[in-house]
Amino acid sequence: MIPVVDPTSKKINYDRIQMIEFDGAPKLRLQLGGIQKCDLSAAIARRVLGFIDSFQNFYQVHLTTDLFDELAWRYMGIALETVGLTERFYRTIVYPVYGNKNWSQVKICLSNIFRLPLIQADVVEKLYAVKPLPSEDGRTYGDHIKMLLKASGEDDRHPALISRILASLPDAGREIVINKFGSPESIKTVGELVHFMRSYPSIH
């Protein structure tokens, strides 16, 4: 990647940089076959958010911080080819509302394209209404909660969410948790609670 310096401003002209495609660069994949309709919103949110994290981690390693902020939107178009959204992304990101198209604006643009606020609102509703299925033990129920939490974007430390998950357990399960932590207030994160649930399958 050879930077081209504008002779007048002495600044890099990013429009004239020749893009290099890196081996192993993240591509968004949304294979949703076999996923139940009730889990669809969580699956979409989790995969899109996971892809955004992978994209950022990958390109911040392969580009300098400054270059990443300038070039992320260009590489994002390449990463969306697998889901047929390259043209739509490039057409959308140039709207004035996205300003200089830095990484923060790229994430907002993706959020709007995938309607993540609406999807995540649905996931949050499911998260706060979660309860174990008859087929779930402590491990699988814990995995279910982790999936919803990641997709929802909710705060892992939210006391109301911790209380709601604790209340979803049967009496015997809640007693096991309280014996471990001492009191509900001693449970600081959902992750801490779920980790214990997963190590204690008979909790449900």
N, C-alpha and C. Protein backbone atom coordinates (compact mmCIF):
# COMPACT_ATOMS: atom_id res chain seq x y z
N MET A 1 0.86 -1.19 0.00
CA MET A 1 0.00 0.00 0.00
C MET A 1 0.90 1.24 0.00
N ILE A 2 0.91 1.99 -1.09
CA ILE A 2 1.80 3.14 -1.23
C ILE A 2 0.98 4.42 -1.09
N PRO A 3 1.27 5.22 -0.04
CA PRO A 3 0.51 6.46 0.13
C PRO A 3 0.84 7.48 -0.94
N VAL A 4 -0.15 8.23 -1.38
CA VAL A 4 0.04 9.27 -2.38
C VAL A 4 -0.19 10.61 -1.70
N VAL A 5 0.83 11.47 -1.70
CA VAL A 5 0.76 12.75 -1.00
C VAL A 5 0.29 13.83 -1.96
N ASP A 6 -0.74 14.56 -1.54
CA ASP A 6 -1.23 15.68 -2.33
C ASP A 6 -0.17 16.78 -2.34
N PRO A 7 0.28 17.24 -3.51
CA PRO A 7 1.36 18.23 -3.57
C PRO A 7 1.00 19.58 -2.96
N THR A 8 -0.28 19.90 -2.92
CA THR A 8 -0.70 21.20 -2.38
C THR A 8 -0.86 21.16 -0.87
N SER A 9 -1.65 20.22 -0.38
CA SER A 9 -1.92 20.16 1.07
C SER A 9 -0.86 19.39 1.83
N LYS A 10 -0.05 18.60 1.11
CA LYS A 10 0.97 17.74 1.72
C LYS A 10 0.35 16.63 2.57
N LYS A 11 -0.93 16.39 2.39
CA LYS A 11 -1.60 15.32 3.12
C LYS A 11 -1.78 14.11 2.20
N ILE A 12 -1.94 12.95 2.83
CA ILE A 12 -2.15 11.74 2.03
C ILE A 12 -3.50 11.79 1.34
N ASN A 13 -3.50 11.52 0.06
CA ASN A 13 -4.75 11.43 -0.70
C ASN A 13 -5.21 9.97 -0.66
N TYR A 14 -6.10 9.67 0.26
CA TYR A 14 -6.53 8.29 0.45
C TYR A 14 -7.32 7.75 -0.73
N ASP A 15 -7.89 8.65 -1.54
CA ASP A 15 -8.64 8.20 -2.70
C ASP A 15 -7.73 7.58 -3.76
N ARG A 16 -6.44 7.86 -3.68
CA ARG A 16 -5.51 7.35 -4.68
C ARG A 16 -4.66 6.20 -4.16
N ILE A 17 -4.95 5.74 -2.94
CA ILE A 17 -4.21 4.61 -2.40
C ILE A 17 -4.69 3.32 -3.08
N GLN A 18 -3.73 2.50 -3.49
CA GLN A 18 -4.08 1.22 -4.09
C GLN A 18 -4.37 0.22 -2.97
N MET A 19 -5.59 -0.30 -2.94
CA MET A 19 -6.00 -1.20 -1.88
C MET A 19 -5.35 -2.57 -2.05
N ILE A 20 -4.91 -3.14 -0.94
CA ILE A 20 -4.35 -4.49 -0.92
C ILE A 20 -5.32 -5.39 -0.18
N GLU A 21 -5.65 -6.52 -0.78
CA GLU A 21 -6.55 -7.46 -0.10
C GLU A 21 -5.70 -8.42 0.72
N PHE A 22 -5.95 -8.46 2.02
CA PHE A 22 -5.15 -9.27 2.93
C PHE A 22 -5.71 -10.69 3.03
N ASP A 23 -4.80 -11.67 3.05
CA ASP A 23 -5.21 -13.06 3.24
C ASP A 23 -5.85 -13.23 4.61
N GLY A 24 -6.92 -13.96 4.66
CA GLY A 24 -7.57 -14.24 5.94
C GLY A 24 -8.44 -13.12 6.47
N ALA A 25 -8.67 -12.08 5.65
CA ALA A 25 -9.49 -10.95 6.11
C ALA A 25 -10.92 -11.42 6.37
N PRO A 26 -11.55 -10.92 7.44
CA PRO A 26 -12.91 -11.34 7.79
C PRO A 26 -13.92 -11.00 6.69
N LYS A 27 -14.84 -11.90 6.47
CA LYS A 27 -15.97 -11.69 5.57
C LYS A 27 -17.24 -12.00 6.36
N LEU A 28 -18.26 -11.19 6.17
CA LEU A 28 -19.51 -11.44 6.87
C LEU A 28 -20.23 -12.64 6.25
N ARG A 29 -20.62 -13.57 7.10
CA ARG A 29 -21.37 -14.74 6.65
C ARG A 29 -22.62 -14.87 7.52
N LEU A 30 -23.74 -15.07 6.87
CA LEU A 30 -25.02 -15.11 7.59
C LEU A 30 -25.80 -16.38 7.26
N GLN A 31 -25.12 -17.53 7.32
CA GLN A 31 -25.85 -18.77 7.10
C GLN A 31 -26.80 -18.99 8.28
N LEU A 32 -28.08 -18.97 8.00
CA LEU A 32 -29.08 -19.05 9.07
C LEU A 32 -29.96 -20.28 8.95
N GLY A 33 -29.56 -21.21 8.09
CA GLY A 33 -30.34 -22.43 7.94
C GLY A 33 -30.36 -23.24 9.23
N GLY A 34 -31.51 -23.78 9.56
CA GLY A 34 -31.63 -24.61 10.74
C GLY A 34 -31.90 -23.85 12.03
N ILE A 35 -31.84 -22.53 11.97
CA ILE A 35 -32.10 -21.73 13.17
C ILE A 35 -33.60 -21.51 13.31
N GLN A 36 -34.11 -21.75 14.50
CA GLN A 36 -35.54 -21.57 14.73
C GLN A 36 -35.91 -20.10 14.62
N LYS A 37 -37.14 -19.85 14.19
CA LYS A 37 -37.60 -18.47 13.98
C LYS A 37 -37.45 -17.63 15.25
N CYS A 38 -37.71 -18.23 16.41
CA CYS A 38 -37.63 -17.48 17.66
C CYS A 38 -36.21 -17.05 18.00
N ASP A 39 -35.21 -17.73 17.40
CA ASP A 39 -33.81 -17.41 17.68
C ASP A 39 -33.16 -16.60 16.57
N LEU A 40 -33.93 -16.25 15.53
CA LEU A 40 -33.37 -15.62 14.34
C LEU A 40 -32.78 -14.25 14.64
N SER A 41 -33.49 -13.41 15.37
CA SER A 41 -32.99 -12.06 15.65
C SER A 41 -31.70 -12.11 16.44
N ALA A 42 -31.62 -13.00 17.43
CA ALA A 42 -30.40 -13.12 18.23
C ALA A 42 -29.24 -13.62 17.37
N ALA A 43 -29.51 -14.56 16.47
CA ALA A 43 -28.46 -15.10 15.61
C ALA A 43 -27.91 -14.04 14.68
N ILE A 44 -28.79 -13.23 14.09
CA ILE A 44 -28.34 -12.16 13.19
C ILE A 44 -27.50 -11.14 13.95
N ALA A 45 -28.01 -10.69 15.08
CA ALA A 45 -27.28 -9.68 15.87
C ALA A 45 -25.92 -10.21 16.31
N ARG A 46 -25.89 -11.46 16.78
CA ARG A 46 -24.64 -12.02 17.27
C ARG A 46 -23.61 -12.14 16.15
N ARG A 47 -24.04 -12.54 14.97
CA ARG A 47 -23.09 -12.72 13.87
C ARG A 47 -22.60 -11.38 13.32
N VAL A 48 -23.49 -10.41 13.23
CA VAL A 48 -23.07 -9.10 12.74
C VAL A 48 -22.12 -8.44 13.74
N LEU A 49 -22.45 -8.49 15.02
CA LEU A 49 -21.58 -7.88 16.04
C LEU A 49 -20.25 -8.61 16.13
N GLY A 50 -20.29 -9.94 16.04
CA GLY A 50 -19.04 -10.70 16.06
C GLY A 50 -18.17 -10.38 14.86
N PHE A 51 -18.79 -10.21 13.71
CA PHE A 51 -18.06 -9.84 12.50
C PHE A 51 -17.41 -8.47 12.66
N ILE A 52 -18.14 -7.50 13.20
CA ILE A 52 -17.59 -6.15 13.40
C ILE A 52 -16.36 -6.21 14.30
N ASP A 53 -16.42 -6.99 15.37
CA ASP A 53 -15.27 -7.14 16.27
C ASP A 53 -14.09 -7.77 15.54
N SER A 54 -14.36 -8.83 14.78
CA SER A 54 -13.29 -9.52 14.04
C SER A 54 -12.66 -8.60 13.00
N PHE A 55 -13.49 -7.83 12.32
CA PHE A 55 -13.01 -6.89 11.31
C PHE A 55 -12.07 -5.87 11.95
N GLN A 56 -12.49 -5.29 13.05
CA GLN A 56 -11.67 -4.28 13.72
C GLN A 56 -10.35 -4.87 14.20
N ASN A 57 -10.42 -6.03 14.85
CA ASN A 57 -9.20 -6.66 15.37
C ASN A 57 -8.22 -7.00 14.25
N PHE A 58 -8.74 -7.49 13.13
CA PHE A 58 -7.88 -7.89 12.02
C PHE A 58 -7.20 -6.69 11.38
N TYR A 59 -7.98 -5.67 11.04
CA TYR A 59 -7.41 -4.55 10.28
C TYR A 59 -6.59 -3.60 11.15
N GLN A 60 -6.85 -3.56 12.45
CA GLN A 60 -5.99 -2.74 13.30
C GLN A 60 -4.60 -3.35 13.43
N VAL A 61 -4.51 -4.66 13.23
CA VAL A 61 -3.20 -5.32 13.21
C VAL A 61 -2.48 -5.07 11.89
N HIS A 62 -3.22 -5.10 10.79
CA HIS A 62 -2.61 -4.99 9.46
C HIS A 62 -2.43 -3.55 8.98
N LEU A 63 -3.10 -2.60 9.62
CA LEU A 63 -2.95 -1.19 9.27
C LEU A 63 -2.55 -0.41 10.52
N THR A 64 -1.96 0.75 10.35
CA THR A 64 -1.73 1.62 11.50
C THR A 64 -3.08 2.15 11.99
N THR A 65 -3.10 2.72 13.20
CA THR A 65 -4.35 3.25 13.74
C THR A 65 -4.95 4.30 12.82
N ASP A 66 -4.11 5.21 12.33
CA ASP A 66 -4.61 6.27 11.45
C ASP A 66 -5.15 5.70 10.14
N LEU A 67 -4.40 4.77 9.56
CA LEU A 67 -4.85 4.17 8.30
C LEU A 67 -6.14 3.39 8.48
N PHE A 68 -6.26 2.71 9.60
CA PHE A 68 -7.49 1.95 9.85
C PHE A 68 -8.70 2.87 9.85
N ASP A 69 -8.60 3.98 10.55
CA ASP A 69 -9.73 4.90 10.64
C ASP A 69 -10.09 5.49 9.27
N GLU A 70 -9.07 5.68 8.43
CA GLU A 70 -9.30 6.26 7.10
C GLU A 70 -9.79 5.23 6.09
N LEU A 71 -9.32 3.99 6.23
CA LEU A 71 -9.57 3.00 5.18
C LEU A 71 -10.60 1.94 5.55
N ALA A 72 -11.05 1.93 6.80
CA ALA A 72 -11.98 0.87 7.23
C ALA A 72 -13.21 0.79 6.34
N TRP A 73 -13.75 1.96 5.96
CA TRP A 73 -14.98 1.94 5.15
C TRP A 73 -14.75 1.32 3.78
N ARG A 74 -13.54 1.49 3.26
CA ARG A 74 -13.24 0.91 1.95
C ARG A 74 -13.13 -0.62 2.05
N TYR A 75 -12.45 -1.08 3.10
CA TYR A 75 -12.31 -2.52 3.29
C TYR A 75 -13.64 -3.16 3.70
N MET A 76 -14.48 -2.40 4.36
CA MET A 76 -15.77 -2.96 4.76
C MET A 76 -16.59 -3.39 3.55
N GLY A 77 -16.52 -2.60 2.49
CA GLY A 77 -17.24 -2.98 1.28
C GLY A 77 -16.80 -4.33 0.76
N ILE A 78 -15.50 -4.60 0.82
CA ILE A 78 -14.97 -5.89 0.38
C ILE A 78 -15.50 -7.01 1.28
N ALA A 79 -15.55 -6.73 2.58
CA ALA A 79 -15.97 -7.75 3.55
C ALA A 79 -17.45 -8.09 3.44
N LEU A 80 -18.23 -7.22 2.81
CA LEU A 80 -19.67 -7.45 2.69
C LEU A 80 -20.05 -8.13 1.37
N GLU A 81 -19.05 -8.43 0.53
CA GLU A 81 -19.34 -9.07 -0.75
C GLU A 81 -20.05 -10.40 -0.56
N THR A 82 -19.71 -11.12 0.50
CA THR A 82 -20.27 -12.45 0.74
C THR A 82 -21.77 -12.43 0.99
N VAL A 83 -22.30 -11.28 1.41
CA VAL A 83 -23.74 -11.19 1.67
C VAL A 83 -24.43 -10.25 0.68
N GLY A 84 -23.70 -9.85 -0.37
CA GLY A 84 -24.30 -9.05 -1.43
C GLY A 84 -24.64 -7.63 -1.05
N LEU A 85 -23.93 -7.07 -0.06
CA LEU A 85 -24.26 -5.72 0.42
C LEU A 85 -23.19 -4.68 0.12
N THR A 86 -22.23 -5.03 -0.72
CA THR A 86 -21.14 -4.09 -1.02
C THR A 86 -21.68 -2.80 -1.62
N GLU A 87 -22.47 -2.91 -2.66
CA GLU A 87 -22.98 -1.72 -3.35
C GLU A 87 -23.85 -0.88 -2.42
N ARG A 88 -24.70 -1.55 -1.66
CA ARG A 88 -25.57 -0.80 -0.75
C ARG A 88 -24.76 -0.07 0.31
N PHE A 89 -23.72 -0.72 0.83
CA PHE A 89 -22.89 -0.07 1.85
C PHE A 89 -22.19 1.16 1.28
N TYR A 90 -21.54 1.01 0.13
CA TYR A 90 -20.83 2.14 -0.47
C TYR A 90 -21.79 3.28 -0.82
N ARG A 91 -22.99 2.93 -1.22
CA ARG A 91 -23.99 3.95 -1.56
C ARG A 91 -24.46 4.69 -0.30
N THR A 92 -24.51 3.97 0.83
CA THR A 92 -25.03 4.55 2.07
C THR A 92 -23.98 5.34 2.83
N ILE A 93 -22.76 4.85 2.88
CA ILE A 93 -21.73 5.46 3.72
C ILE A 93 -21.34 6.86 3.25
N VAL A 94 -21.65 7.21 2.00
CA VAL A 94 -21.31 8.54 1.49
C VAL A 94 -22.35 9.59 1.86
N TYR A 95 -23.45 9.20 2.49
CA TYR A 95 -24.43 10.19 2.93
C TYR A 95 -23.76 11.16 3.91
N PRO A 96 -24.11 12.44 3.84
CA PRO A 96 -23.49 13.44 4.73
C PRO A 96 -23.58 13.10 6.21
N VAL A 97 -24.61 12.36 6.62
CA VAL A 97 -24.79 12.04 8.03
C VAL A 97 -23.62 11.22 8.58
N TYR A 98 -22.88 10.54 7.69
CA TYR A 98 -21.76 9.72 8.14
C TYR A 98 -20.43 10.47 8.10
N GLY A 99 -20.49 11.76 7.88
CA GLY A 99 -19.32 12.63 8.03
C GLY A 99 -18.11 12.16 7.25
N ASN A 100 -16.99 11.98 7.99
CA ASN A 100 -15.73 11.63 7.32
C ASN A 100 -15.54 10.12 7.15
N LYS A 101 -16.58 9.34 7.42
CA LYS A 101 -16.57 7.89 7.19
C LYS A 101 -15.52 7.18 8.04
N ASN A 102 -15.26 7.69 9.25
CA ASN A 102 -14.31 6.99 10.12
C ASN A 102 -14.94 5.72 10.68
N TRP A 103 -14.17 5.00 11.50
CA TRP A 103 -14.64 3.70 11.97
C TRP A 103 -15.94 3.80 12.77
N SER A 104 -16.06 4.81 13.59
CA SER A 104 -17.29 4.98 14.37
C SER A 104 -18.50 5.14 13.45
N GLN A 105 -18.31 5.90 12.37
CA GLN A 105 -19.40 6.11 11.42
C GLN A 105 -19.70 4.85 10.62
N VAL A 106 -18.66 4.07 10.34
CA VAL A 106 -18.87 2.79 9.64
C VAL A 106 -19.76 1.88 10.47
N LYS A 107 -19.50 1.82 11.78
CA LYS A 107 -20.31 0.96 12.65
C LYS A 107 -21.76 1.44 12.72
N ILE A 108 -21.94 2.75 12.74
CA ILE A 108 -23.31 3.29 12.75
C ILE A 108 -24.02 2.95 11.44
N CYS A 109 -23.29 3.06 10.34
CA CYS A 109 -23.86 2.74 9.03
C CYS A 109 -24.29 1.28 8.98
N LEU A 110 -23.44 0.37 9.45
CA LEU A 110 -23.79 -1.04 9.47
C LEU A 110 -25.00 -1.30 10.36
N SER A 111 -25.02 -0.62 11.50
CA SER A 111 -26.15 -0.76 12.42
C SER A 111 -27.46 -0.37 11.75
N ASN A 112 -27.41 0.68 10.95
CA ASN A 112 -28.61 1.13 10.24
C ASN A 112 -29.00 0.17 9.11
N ILE A 113 -28.01 -0.32 8.38
CA ILE A 113 -28.29 -1.25 7.28
C ILE A 113 -28.95 -2.53 7.80
N PHE A 114 -28.43 -3.05 8.91
CA PHE A 114 -28.96 -4.30 9.46
C PHE A 114 -30.09 -4.08 10.47
N ARG A 115 -30.43 -2.80 10.69
CA ARG A 115 -31.49 -2.45 11.64
C ARG A 115 -31.22 -3.07 13.01
N LEU A 116 -29.98 -2.97 13.45
CA LEU A 116 -29.59 -3.59 14.71
C LEU A 116 -30.37 -3.07 15.91
N PRO A 117 -30.69 -1.76 15.98
CA PRO A 117 -31.47 -1.31 17.15
C PRO A 117 -32.80 -2.05 17.29
N LEU A 118 -33.50 -2.29 16.18
CA LEU A 118 -34.77 -3.02 16.24
C LEU A 118 -34.55 -4.48 16.60
N ILE A 119 -33.53 -5.08 15.99
CA ILE A 119 -33.24 -6.49 16.26
C ILE A 119 -32.83 -6.67 17.72
N GLN A 120 -31.96 -5.76 18.20
CA GLN A 120 -31.49 -5.90 19.57
C GLN A 120 -32.59 -5.63 20.59
N ALA A 121 -33.52 -4.76 20.26
CA ALA A 121 -34.65 -4.52 21.16
C ALA A 121 -35.45 -5.81 21.34
N ASP A 122 -35.61 -6.56 20.26
CA ASP A 122 -36.30 -7.84 20.33
C ASP A 122 -35.52 -8.84 21.17
N VAL A 123 -34.19 -8.83 21.02
CA VAL A 123 -33.35 -9.75 21.79
C VAL A 123 -33.37 -9.40 23.27
N VAL A 124 -33.33 -8.10 23.58
CA VAL A 124 -33.39 -7.67 24.99
C VAL A 124 -34.69 -8.15 25.64
N GLU A 125 -35.78 -8.04 24.90
CA GLU A 125 -37.07 -8.51 25.42
C GLU A 125 -37.01 -10.01 25.73
N LYS A 126 -36.39 -10.77 24.83
CA LYS A 126 -36.25 -12.21 25.06
C LYS A 126 -35.33 -12.49 26.24
N LEU A 127 -34.27 -11.69 26.38
CA LEU A 127 -33.32 -11.90 27.46
C LEU A 127 -33.98 -11.72 28.83
N TYR A 128 -34.79 -10.68 28.95
CA TYR A 128 -35.43 -10.41 30.24
C TYR A 128 -36.61 -11.34 30.51
N ALA A 129 -37.03 -12.08 29.50
CA ALA A 129 -38.11 -13.06 29.69
C ALA A 129 -37.58 -14.49 29.67
N VAL A 130 -36.26 -14.64 29.67
CA VAL A 130 -35.66 -15.96 29.48
C VAL A 130 -36.00 -16.89 30.65
N LYS A 131 -36.19 -18.14 30.30
CA LYS A 131 -36.36 -19.19 31.31
C LYS A 131 -35.91 -20.50 30.68
N PRO A 132 -35.46 -21.43 31.49
CA PRO A 132 -34.91 -22.66 30.93
C PRO A 132 -35.97 -23.52 30.26
N LEU A 133 -35.60 -24.09 29.13
CA LEU A 133 -36.48 -25.03 28.46
C LEU A 133 -36.39 -26.38 29.17
N PRO A 134 -37.41 -27.21 29.03
CA PRO A 134 -37.37 -28.52 29.70
C PRO A 134 -36.14 -29.34 29.32
N SER A 135 -35.64 -29.13 28.11
CA SER A 135 -34.49 -29.92 27.63
C SER A 135 -33.14 -29.35 28.07
N GLU A 136 -33.13 -28.19 28.72
CA GLU A 136 -31.88 -27.53 29.08
C GLU A 136 -31.45 -27.87 30.50
N ASP A 137 -30.14 -28.14 30.66
CA ASP A 137 -29.56 -28.25 31.99
C ASP A 137 -28.82 -26.95 32.28
N GLY A 138 -28.07 -26.90 33.38
CA GLY A 138 -27.37 -25.67 33.73
C GLY A 138 -26.41 -25.21 32.67
N ARG A 139 -25.74 -26.16 32.01
CA ARG A 139 -24.75 -25.80 30.97
C ARG A 139 -25.44 -25.21 29.74
N THR A 140 -26.43 -25.90 29.23
CA THR A 140 -27.07 -25.43 28.00
C THR A 140 -27.90 -24.17 28.25
N TYR A 141 -28.49 -24.06 29.43
CA TYR A 141 -29.22 -22.83 29.76
C TYR A 141 -28.26 -21.66 29.87
N GLY A 142 -27.09 -21.92 30.47
CA GLY A 142 -26.07 -20.87 30.55
C GLY A 142 -25.61 -20.42 29.17
N ASP A 143 -25.44 -21.37 28.25
CA ASP A 143 -25.05 -21.02 26.88
C ASP A 143 -26.14 -20.20 26.19
N HIS A 144 -27.39 -20.56 26.45
CA HIS A 144 -28.53 -19.83 25.89
C HIS A 144 -28.50 -18.37 26.35
N ILE A 145 -28.26 -18.16 27.64
CA ILE A 145 -28.20 -16.80 28.19
C ILE A 145 -27.02 -16.04 27.59
N LYS A 146 -25.86 -16.68 27.48
CA LYS A 146 -24.67 -16.03 26.91
C LYS A 146 -24.94 -15.57 25.49
N MET A 147 -25.61 -16.40 24.71
CA MET A 147 -25.93 -16.06 23.32
C MET A 147 -26.83 -14.83 23.26
N LEU A 148 -27.87 -14.81 24.10
CA LEU A 148 -28.78 -13.67 24.11
C LEU A 148 -28.08 -12.41 24.60
N LEU A 149 -27.24 -12.54 25.62
CA LEU A 149 -26.54 -11.39 26.18
C LEU A 149 -25.63 -10.74 25.14
N LYS A 150 -24.85 -11.56 24.44
CA LYS A 150 -23.94 -11.02 23.43
C LYS A 150 -24.71 -10.34 22.31
N ALA A 151 -25.81 -10.94 21.89
CA ALA A 151 -26.60 -10.38 20.80
C ALA A 151 -27.33 -9.11 21.21
N SER A 152 -27.68 -9.00 22.49
CA SER A 152 -28.47 -7.85 22.96
C SER A 152 -27.65 -6.60 23.16
N GLY A 153 -26.35 -6.77 23.48
CA GLY A 153 -25.52 -5.61 23.81
C GLY A 153 -25.79 -5.06 25.20
N GLU A 154 -26.55 -5.78 26.01
CA GLU A 154 -26.86 -5.34 27.37
C GLU A 154 -25.63 -5.38 28.27
N ASP A 155 -25.67 -4.56 29.32
CA ASP A 155 -24.58 -4.49 30.29
C ASP A 155 -24.54 -5.77 31.11
N ASP A 156 -23.40 -6.43 31.09
CA ASP A 156 -23.18 -7.66 31.83
C ASP A 156 -23.36 -7.48 33.34
N ARG A 157 -23.25 -6.22 33.80
CA ARG A 157 -23.29 -5.95 35.25
C ARG A 157 -24.63 -5.41 35.72
N HIS A 158 -25.63 -5.45 34.88
CA HIS A 158 -26.92 -4.85 35.21
C HIS A 158 -27.62 -5.66 36.31
N PRO A 159 -27.82 -5.08 37.51
CA PRO A 159 -28.42 -5.83 38.63
C PRO A 159 -29.80 -6.40 38.29
N ALA A 160 -30.60 -5.64 37.54
CA ALA A 160 -31.95 -6.12 37.21
C ALA A 160 -31.90 -7.38 36.35
N LEU A 161 -30.91 -7.44 35.45
CA LEU A 161 -30.78 -8.61 34.59
C LEU A 161 -30.31 -9.82 35.40
N ILE A 162 -29.35 -9.58 36.28
CA ILE A 162 -28.87 -10.66 37.16
C ILE A 162 -30.02 -11.22 37.99
N SER A 163 -30.83 -10.32 38.55
CA SER A 163 -31.97 -10.74 39.37
C SER A 163 -32.98 -11.52 38.54
N ARG A 164 -33.19 -11.08 37.29
CA ARG A 164 -34.16 -11.75 36.43
C ARG A 164 -33.71 -13.17 36.11
N ILE A 165 -32.44 -13.35 35.81
CA ILE A 165 -31.92 -14.68 35.50
C ILE A 165 -31.99 -15.58 36.73
N LEU A 166 -31.64 -15.02 37.87
CA LEU A 166 -31.71 -15.79 39.12
C LEU A 166 -33.15 -16.23 39.39
N ALA A 167 -34.10 -15.33 39.15
CA ALA A 167 -35.51 -15.64 39.38
C ALA A 167 -36.03 -16.71 38.42
N SER A 168 -35.36 -16.86 37.27
CA SER A 168 -35.81 -17.84 36.28
C SER A 168 -35.46 -19.27 36.69
N LEU A 169 -34.57 -19.42 37.66
CA LEU A 169 -34.17 -20.75 38.10
C LEU A 169 -35.21 -21.35 39.04
N PRO A 170 -35.34 -22.66 39.07
CA PRO A 170 -36.23 -23.28 40.05
C PRO A 170 -35.71 -23.04 41.47
N ASP A 171 -36.55 -23.26 42.46
CA ASP A 171 -36.17 -22.98 43.85
C ASP A 171 -34.86 -23.65 44.23
N ALA A 172 -34.71 -24.91 43.86
CA ALA A 172 -33.49 -25.64 44.23
C ALA A 172 -32.27 -25.02 43.57
N GLY A 173 -32.42 -24.58 42.31
CA GLY A 173 -31.31 -23.94 41.61
C GLY A 173 -30.91 -22.63 42.24
N ARG A 174 -31.91 -21.81 42.60
CA ARG A 174 -31.61 -20.53 43.27
C ARG A 174 -30.89 -20.76 44.59
N GLU A 175 -31.30 -21.80 45.30
CA GLU A 175 -30.66 -22.10 46.59
C GLU A 175 -29.20 -22.46 46.40
N ILE A 176 -28.91 -23.22 45.35
CA ILE A 176 -27.52 -23.58 45.05
C ILE A 176 -26.69 -22.33 44.76
N VAL A 177 -27.26 -21.41 43.98
CA VAL A 177 -26.56 -20.16 43.64
C VAL A 177 -26.31 -19.32 44.89
N ILE A 178 -27.33 -19.17 45.73
CA ILE A 178 -27.18 -18.36 46.94
C ILE A 178 -26.16 -18.99 47.88
N ASN A 179 -26.15 -20.31 47.97
CA ASN A 179 -25.15 -20.98 48.81
C ASN A 179 -23.74 -20.70 48.31
N LYS A 180 -23.61 -20.56 46.99
CA LYS A 180 -22.29 -20.28 46.40
C LYS A 180 -21.87 -18.83 46.61
N PHE A 181 -22.77 -17.88 46.33
CA PHE A 181 -22.41 -16.47 46.34
C PHE A 181 -22.75 -15.75 47.64
N GLY A 182 -23.62 -16.32 48.45
CA GLY A 182 -23.97 -15.68 49.72
C GLY A 182 -25.24 -14.87 49.64
N SER A 183 -25.39 -14.08 48.58
CA SER A 183 -26.58 -13.25 48.38
C SER A 183 -26.64 -12.84 46.92
N PRO A 184 -27.83 -12.47 46.42
CA PRO A 184 -27.92 -12.00 45.03
C PRO A 184 -27.03 -10.79 44.76
N GLU A 185 -26.88 -9.91 45.76
CA GLU A 185 -26.06 -8.70 45.59
C GLU A 185 -24.58 -9.02 45.39
N SER A 186 -24.18 -10.22 45.80
CA SER A 186 -22.76 -10.60 45.66
C SER A 186 -22.42 -11.05 44.25
N ILE A 187 -23.44 -11.26 43.42
CA ILE A 187 -23.21 -11.65 42.03
C ILE A 187 -22.99 -10.37 41.22
N LYS A 188 -21.79 -10.15 40.76
CA LYS A 188 -21.44 -8.86 40.13
C LYS A 188 -21.73 -8.80 38.64
N THR A 189 -21.70 -9.94 37.96
CA THR A 189 -21.93 -9.94 36.51
C THR A 189 -22.76 -11.15 36.10
N VAL A 190 -23.42 -11.01 34.97
CA VAL A 190 -24.14 -12.14 34.39
C VAL A 190 -23.15 -13.25 34.04
N GLY A 191 -21.98 -12.85 33.54
CA GLY A 191 -20.96 -13.83 33.18
C GLY A 191 -20.55 -14.70 34.35
N GLU A 192 -20.42 -14.09 35.52
CA GLU A 192 -20.05 -14.82 36.73
C GLU A 192 -21.13 -15.84 37.10
N LEU A 193 -22.39 -15.41 37.01
CA LEU A 193 -23.51 -16.30 37.31
C LEU A 193 -23.59 -17.44 36.30
N VAL A 194 -23.46 -17.11 35.03
CA VAL A 194 -23.57 -18.13 33.97
C VAL A 194 -22.42 -19.13 34.08
N HIS A 195 -21.22 -18.64 34.39
CA HIS A 195 -20.07 -19.54 34.54
C HIS A 195 -20.35 -20.59 35.61
N PHE A 196 -20.92 -20.16 36.72
CA PHE A 196 -21.25 -21.11 37.79
C PHE A 196 -22.35 -22.07 37.34
N MET A 197 -23.36 -21.54 36.66
CA MET A 197 -24.45 -22.40 36.17
C MET A 197 -23.92 -23.48 35.23
N ARG A 198 -22.99 -23.11 34.37
CA ARG A 198 -22.46 -24.06 33.39
C ARG A 198 -21.61 -25.14 34.07
N SER A 199 -21.02 -24.82 35.21
CA SER A 199 -20.20 -25.81 35.91
C SER A 199 -21.04 -26.68 36.85
N TYR A 200 -22.33 -26.38 36.89
CA TYR A 200 -23.23 -27.09 37.81
C TYR A 200 -24.49 -27.48 37.04
N PRO A 201 -24.37 -28.47 36.12
CA PRO A 201 -25.49 -28.79 35.22
C PRO A 201 -26.81 -29.08 35.92
N SER A 202 -26.76 -29.62 37.14
CA SER A 202 -28.01 -29.99 37.82
C SER A 202 -28.71 -28.80 38.45
N ILE A 203 -28.19 -27.59 38.20
CA ILE A 203 -28.79 -26.39 38.78
C ILE A 203 -30.22 -26.20 38.29
N HIS A 204 -30.52 -26.77 37.14
CA HIS A 204 -31.90 -26.69 36.61
C HIS A 204 -32.52 -28.09 36.63
